[in-house]
Amino acid sequence: MRIRIATRGSRLSLIQTEIVMNMIRRVEPEVQFDIIVVRTTGDVIQDKHYTHWRKGDF
């Protein structure tokens, strides 16, 4: 079985993804994972406070 996991690319998000994958592997050791890193405008725009974003940026 293959599971696709979408996650943000931050260090914390990737660590949390690993934790979840390890929990699933304990129950289903044969499972394989594809990690899809999702980047939003909020990830790209780091120099502006979120109140200056447009609707739908994040």
Protein backbone atom coordinates (compact mmCIF):
# COMPACT_ATOMS: atom_id res chain seq x y z
CA MET A 1 0.00 0.00 0.00
CA ARG A 2 1.18 3.52 -0.78
CA ILE A 3 0.02 6.60 1.14
CA ARG A 4 0.56 10.15 -0.07
CA ILE A 5 1.00 12.73 2.69
CA ALA A 6 0.82 16.44 1.94
CA THR A 7 2.67 18.65 4.40
CA ARG A 8 4.25 22.05 4.62
CA GLY A 9 8.01 22.17 4.20
CA SER A 10 8.87 23.63 7.59
CA ARG A 11 11.13 21.63 9.86
CA LEU A 12 8.32 21.18 12.39
CA SER A 13 5.85 19.97 9.76
CA LEU A 14 8.31 17.46 8.36
CA ILE A 15 9.13 16.13 11.83
CA GLN A 16 5.41 15.76 12.59
CA THR A 17 4.97 13.93 9.28
CA GLU A 18 7.76 11.51 10.22
CA ILE A 19 6.09 10.87 13.58
CA VAL A 20 2.79 10.02 11.90
CA MET A 21 4.51 7.82 9.30
CA ASN A 22 6.30 5.88 12.06
CA MET A 23 3.03 5.37 13.93
CA ILE A 24 1.41 3.96 10.79
CA ARG A 25 4.44 1.74 10.09
CA ARG A 26 4.04 0.11 13.51
CA VAL A 27 0.62 -1.13 12.43
CA GLU A 28 1.36 -1.61 8.70
CA PRO A 29 5.12 -2.22 8.26
CA GLU A 30 4.85 -2.75 4.49
CA VAL A 31 3.27 0.63 3.75
CA GLN A 32 5.19 3.08 1.56
CA PHE A 33 4.87 6.85 1.71
CA ASP A 34 5.10 9.71 -0.73
CA ILE A 35 5.62 13.08 0.93
CA ILE A 36 4.27 16.03 -1.05
CA VAL A 37 5.55 19.37 0.21
CA VAL A 38 2.92 22.09 -0.17
CA ARG A 39 4.05 25.70 -0.34
CA THR A 40 1.54 28.49 0.16
CA THR A 41 1.96 32.21 -0.32
CA GLY A 42 2.31 32.38 3.45
CA ASP A 43 5.38 30.17 3.21
CA VAL A 44 6.88 32.28 0.44
CA ILE A 45 6.14 35.77 1.79
CA GLN A 46 8.11 35.99 5.01
CA ASP A 47 8.75 39.74 5.12
CA LYS A 48 5.13 40.95 5.46
CA HIS A 49 2.77 40.56 8.38
CA TYR A 50 -0.18 38.35 7.52
CA THR A 51 -2.60 41.29 7.89
CA HIS A 52 -1.10 42.73 4.69
CA TRP A 53 -1.88 39.63 2.62
CA ARG A 54 -4.77 39.48 0.20
CA LYS A 55 -7.71 37.15 0.61
CA GLY A 56 -6.69 33.65 -0.45
CA ASP A 57 -2.93 34.12 0.01
CA PHE A 58 -2.74 31.44 2.67
